[in-house]
Amino acid sequence: MITMRAVRLLQCEKGSSAVELGIILSVFISMMFGIINVAIVLWTLSSLHYAAETAARCAAVGSSSCADPAAYALSHYNGVSLGGTNPFSYSATGCGHTVTASYTYSLVIPMIGTYSLPLSAAACSP
């Protein structure tokens, strides 16, 4: 009697699709969160570049609205929160008016770990 139940249980395939769904769904969700994390990193980097270019251009024109190009760049930054710090710096040497930005992005991947991604941007306007 017990051996017949064991044989029938081993031949049963009723839960196989649920197990397959669990395996595939976990991989799919991990890939989706990975794509979202990469998109956020690229958005932050793009915003750093845009703010640096805008501030360098404003400093080259000599507008009164950008007396402090580093603060002007921070006001034009639209990425993720920088935690109250200003990663932008201004220099009038080299090729002209140079605005640089340096920021370390903390990338958290669940069940894998936390990584630090150094992001940087520079713009020069004569």
Protein backbone atom coordinates (compact mmCIF):
# COMPACT_ATOMS: atom_id res chain seq x y z
CA MET A 1 0.00 0.00 0.00
CA ILE A 2 2.73 2.46 0.94
CA THR A 3 4.84 1.59 -2.07
CA MET A 4 1.89 2.20 -4.40
CA ARG A 5 1.41 5.69 -2.96
CA ALA A 6 5.11 6.44 -3.39
CA VAL A 7 5.05 5.29 -7.00
CA ARG A 8 1.96 7.41 -7.76
CA LEU A 9 3.53 10.44 -6.03
CA LEU A 10 6.71 10.17 -8.08
CA GLN A 11 4.70 9.92 -11.31
CA CYS A 12 2.53 12.96 -10.52
CA GLU A 13 3.33 16.10 -12.57
CA LYS A 14 0.69 18.47 -11.17
CA GLY A 15 3.13 20.91 -9.51
CA SER A 16 5.81 21.00 -12.19
CA SER A 17 4.55 24.17 -13.86
CA ALA A 18 4.51 26.00 -10.50
CA VAL A 19 8.13 25.01 -9.86
CA GLU A 20 9.16 26.10 -13.36
CA LEU A 21 7.36 29.42 -12.90
CA GLY A 22 9.18 29.99 -9.61
CA ILE A 23 12.57 29.42 -11.21
CA ILE A 24 11.93 31.55 -14.30
CA LEU A 25 10.14 34.33 -12.41
CA SER A 26 13.03 34.80 -9.98
CA VAL A 27 15.49 35.16 -12.87
CA PHE A 28 13.17 37.55 -14.71
CA ILE A 29 12.63 39.79 -11.67
CA SER A 30 16.38 39.89 -10.99
CA MET A 31 17.01 40.96 -14.58
CA MET A 32 14.34 43.67 -14.36
CA PHE A 33 15.85 45.13 -11.19
CA GLY A 34 19.28 45.00 -12.83
CA ILE A 35 18.03 46.94 -15.83
CA ILE A 36 16.41 49.52 -13.55
CA ASN A 37 19.66 49.92 -11.55
CA VAL A 38 21.72 50.42 -14.72
CA ALA A 39 19.19 52.97 -15.98
CA ILE A 40 19.44 54.95 -12.72
CA VAL A 41 23.26 54.96 -12.92
CA LEU A 42 23.16 56.19 -16.52
CA TRP A 43 20.58 58.85 -15.62
CA THR A 44 22.80 60.09 -12.79
CA LEU A 45 25.87 60.19 -15.05
CA SER A 46 23.96 62.01 -17.78
CA SER A 47 22.68 64.57 -15.29
CA LEU A 48 26.23 65.17 -14.01
CA HIS A 49 27.41 65.81 -17.57
CA TYR A 50 24.51 68.14 -18.35
CA ALA A 51 24.99 70.20 -15.18
CA ALA A 52 28.75 70.50 -15.75
CA GLU A 53 28.27 71.60 -19.38
CA THR A 54 25.60 74.15 -18.43
CA ALA A 55 27.73 75.64 -15.66
CA ALA A 56 30.85 75.84 -17.85
CA ARG A 57 28.88 77.57 -20.59
CA CYS A 58 27.35 80.02 -18.11
CA ALA A 59 30.77 80.80 -16.60
CA ALA A 60 32.22 81.45 -20.07
CA VAL A 61 29.43 83.87 -20.92
CA GLY A 62 29.96 85.69 -17.64
CA SER A 63 26.33 85.86 -16.65
CA SER A 64 25.48 87.33 -13.26
CA SER A 65 23.28 84.31 -12.50
CA CYS A 66 26.32 82.05 -12.19
CA ALA A 67 28.65 83.94 -9.89
CA ASP A 68 29.49 80.56 -8.32
CA PRO A 69 29.59 77.99 -11.18
CA ALA A 70 29.74 75.02 -8.79
CA ALA A 71 26.51 76.09 -7.08
CA TYR A 72 24.97 76.85 -10.48
CA ALA A 73 25.84 73.32 -11.64
CA LEU A 74 24.28 71.83 -8.51
CA SER A 75 21.07 73.77 -9.16
CA HIS A 76 20.89 72.26 -12.68
CA TYR A 77 21.57 68.69 -11.55
CA ASN A 78 18.46 66.47 -11.80
CA GLY A 79 19.77 63.00 -10.91
CA VAL A 80 19.44 60.99 -7.71
CA SER A 81 20.01 62.75 -4.39
CA LEU A 82 23.64 63.53 -3.69
CA GLY A 83 23.21 63.49 0.06
CA GLY A 84 23.67 67.22 0.66
CA THR A 85 27.15 67.39 -0.87
CA ASN A 86 28.25 69.37 -3.89
CA PRO A 87 30.35 67.17 -6.21
CA PHE A 88 31.00 70.04 -8.64
CA SER A 89 34.15 72.16 -8.71
CA TYR A 90 35.14 75.10 -10.89
CA SER A 91 38.49 76.15 -12.30
CA ALA A 92 39.38 78.99 -14.65
CA THR A 93 42.67 77.42 -15.75
CA GLY A 94 43.46 75.07 -18.61
CA CYS A 95 41.20 75.30 -21.62
CA GLY A 96 39.04 78.07 -20.16
CA HIS A 97 36.19 77.73 -17.71
CA THR A 98 36.25 74.14 -16.47
CA VAL A 99 33.59 72.52 -14.33
CA THR A 100 34.23 68.99 -13.06
CA ALA A 101 32.08 66.61 -11.03
CA SER A 102 33.03 63.52 -9.10
CA TYR A 103 30.50 61.33 -7.31
CA THR A 104 30.59 57.78 -5.94
CA TYR A 105 27.33 55.96 -6.60
CA SER A 106 26.46 53.15 -4.21
CA LEU A 107 24.93 50.30 -6.21
CA VAL A 108 23.03 47.83 -4.02
CA ILE A 109 22.24 44.43 -5.52
CA PRO A 110 20.04 42.34 -3.22
CA MET A 111 21.54 39.01 -2.13
CA ILE A 112 24.79 39.82 -3.97
CA GLY A 113 26.31 42.90 -2.38
CA THR A 114 26.98 46.62 -2.52
CA TYR A 115 29.33 48.16 -5.05
CA SER A 116 30.79 51.66 -5.31
CA LEU A 117 30.74 53.11 -8.81
CA PRO A 118 32.88 56.23 -9.31
CA LEU A 119 31.11 58.62 -11.69
CA SER A 120 32.81 61.70 -13.09
CA ALA A 121 32.06 64.44 -15.58
CA ALA A 122 34.01 67.38 -16.93
CA ALA A 123 33.16 70.24 -19.24
CA CYS A 124 35.24 73.10 -20.58
CA SER A 125 34.07 76.21 -22.34
CA PRO A 126 36.47 78.85 -23.66
